[in-house]
Amino acid sequence: MNRNKNSEKNIALDQVFRALADPTRLRLLNLMGDQELCVCFFVEVLNAPQPKISRHLAYLRRAGIVSARRDGKWMHYRVTIPRDPHAAAILRTTLDSLKQDRDMQR
């Protein structure tokens, strides 16, 4: 049973690392910060097609890094700290680093 837990933990960490390996997803996380934002906001700010933004947000949601809430026809997203303490530490460190990155502020 311990082997299964370690395997699940490794899968969770793998998903977090993969989610954080894309510049667009990092930008989305940085824009969210500690607030909930609509997909339409990301489309406007990043000047990117809505399907592309939605695909990246879905990837982050599957990795357990963001949560989604539907409000009528609009989807709102916010950063969620994973339950796994290692994944949570990685995400917190990444978010802190993004705040200091000048390229992420544009």
Protein backbone atom coordinates (compact mmCIF):
# COMPACT_ATOMS: atom_id res chain seq x y z
CA MET A 1 0.00 0.00 0.00
CA ASN A 2 2.87 2.39 0.72
CA ARG A 3 4.09 1.82 -2.82
CA ASN A 4 0.70 2.95 -4.19
CA LYS A 5 0.80 6.13 -2.09
CA ASN A 6 4.28 6.98 -3.36
CA SER A 7 3.19 6.28 -6.91
CA GLU A 8 0.16 8.57 -6.54
CA LYS A 9 2.37 11.25 -5.00
CA ASN A 10 4.82 11.02 -7.91
CA ILE A 11 1.97 11.31 -10.41
CA ALA A 12 0.66 14.40 -8.61
CA LEU A 13 4.11 16.01 -8.59
CA ASP A 14 4.60 15.12 -12.24
CA GLN A 15 1.32 16.86 -13.11
CA VAL A 16 2.32 19.96 -11.16
CA PHE A 17 5.73 20.17 -12.81
CA ARG A 18 4.22 19.70 -16.27
CA ALA A 19 1.59 22.35 -15.58
CA LEU A 20 4.26 24.81 -14.48
CA ALA A 21 6.50 24.09 -17.48
CA ASP A 22 4.52 26.26 -19.90
CA PRO A 23 5.01 30.06 -20.11
CA THR A 24 1.33 30.71 -20.89
CA ARG A 25 0.19 28.73 -17.84
CA LEU A 26 2.71 30.57 -15.67
CA ARG A 27 1.36 33.87 -16.95
CA LEU A 28 -2.21 32.76 -16.15
CA LEU A 29 -1.20 31.85 -12.59
CA ASN A 30 0.58 35.15 -12.15
CA LEU A 31 -2.42 37.12 -13.39
CA MET A 32 -4.73 35.25 -11.01
CA GLY A 33 -2.59 35.86 -7.96
CA ASP A 34 -5.06 35.59 -5.09
CA GLN A 35 -8.15 36.66 -7.01
CA GLU A 36 -10.78 34.89 -9.07
CA LEU A 37 -10.82 35.86 -12.75
CA CYS A 38 -13.02 35.17 -15.76
CA VAL A 39 -11.68 33.52 -18.90
CA CYS A 40 -12.68 36.66 -20.80
CA PHE A 41 -10.15 38.66 -18.74
CA PHE A 42 -7.29 36.36 -19.76
CA VAL A 43 -8.35 36.49 -23.41
CA GLU A 44 -8.25 40.28 -23.36
CA VAL A 45 -5.03 40.72 -21.39
CA LEU A 46 -3.04 38.01 -23.18
CA ASN A 47 -4.58 38.75 -26.59
CA ALA A 48 -5.00 35.02 -27.13
CA PRO A 49 -7.90 32.96 -28.51
CA GLN A 50 -10.43 31.80 -25.93
CA PRO A 51 -10.02 28.07 -26.79
CA LYS A 52 -6.27 28.30 -26.15
CA ILE A 53 -6.79 30.01 -22.78
CA SER A 54 -9.49 27.51 -21.80
CA ARG A 55 -7.24 24.59 -22.74
CA HIS A 56 -4.41 25.92 -20.54
CA LEU A 57 -6.79 26.58 -17.64
CA ALA A 58 -8.19 23.04 -17.95
CA TYR A 59 -4.64 21.69 -17.77
CA LEU A 60 -4.02 23.67 -14.58
CA ARG A 61 -7.33 22.44 -13.15
CA ARG A 62 -6.48 18.79 -13.86
CA ALA A 63 -3.14 19.32 -12.10
CA GLY A 64 -5.03 20.59 -9.04
CA ILE A 65 -3.50 24.07 -9.24
CA VAL A 66 -6.64 26.04 -10.05
CA SER A 67 -10.33 25.60 -9.36
CA ALA A 68 -13.19 26.66 -11.60
CA ARG A 69 -16.60 28.12 -10.89
CA ARG A 70 -19.35 28.60 -13.44
CA ASP A 71 -21.45 31.76 -13.30
CA GLY A 72 -24.06 31.50 -16.04
CA LYS A 73 -22.11 31.20 -19.27
CA TRP A 74 -18.87 32.48 -17.69
CA MET A 75 -16.12 30.40 -16.12
CA HIS A 76 -14.09 31.90 -13.29
CA TYR A 77 -10.77 30.51 -12.11
CA ARG A 78 -8.63 30.93 -9.01
CA VAL A 79 -5.39 29.44 -7.73
CA THR A 80 -5.85 26.45 -5.44
CA ILE A 81 -3.05 25.14 -3.23
CA PRO A 82 -2.67 21.35 -3.70
CA ARG A 83 -3.18 19.03 -0.72
CA ASP A 84 0.19 17.36 -1.21
CA PRO A 85 2.67 19.37 0.88
CA HIS A 86 5.47 19.00 -1.68
CA ALA A 87 3.26 20.13 -4.55
CA ALA A 88 1.98 23.00 -2.40
CA ALA A 89 5.53 24.13 -1.60
CA ILE A 90 6.48 24.01 -5.29
CA LEU A 91 3.44 26.06 -6.26
CA ARG A 92 3.99 28.65 -3.51
CA THR A 93 7.65 29.04 -4.48
CA THR A 94 6.69 29.40 -8.14
CA LEU A 95 4.03 32.01 -7.38
CA ASP A 96 6.48 34.00 -5.25
CA SER A 97 9.05 33.84 -8.02
CA LEU A 98 6.54 34.99 -10.64
CA LYS A 99 5.79 38.11 -8.60
CA GLN A 100 9.47 39.07 -8.88
CA ASP A 101 9.81 38.30 -12.61
CA ARG A 102 9.63 41.48 -14.71
CA ASP A 103 8.59 39.55 -17.84
CA MET A 104 5.53 38.27 -16.00
CA GLN A 105 4.49 41.82 -15.09
CA ARG A 106 3.93 42.82 -18.73
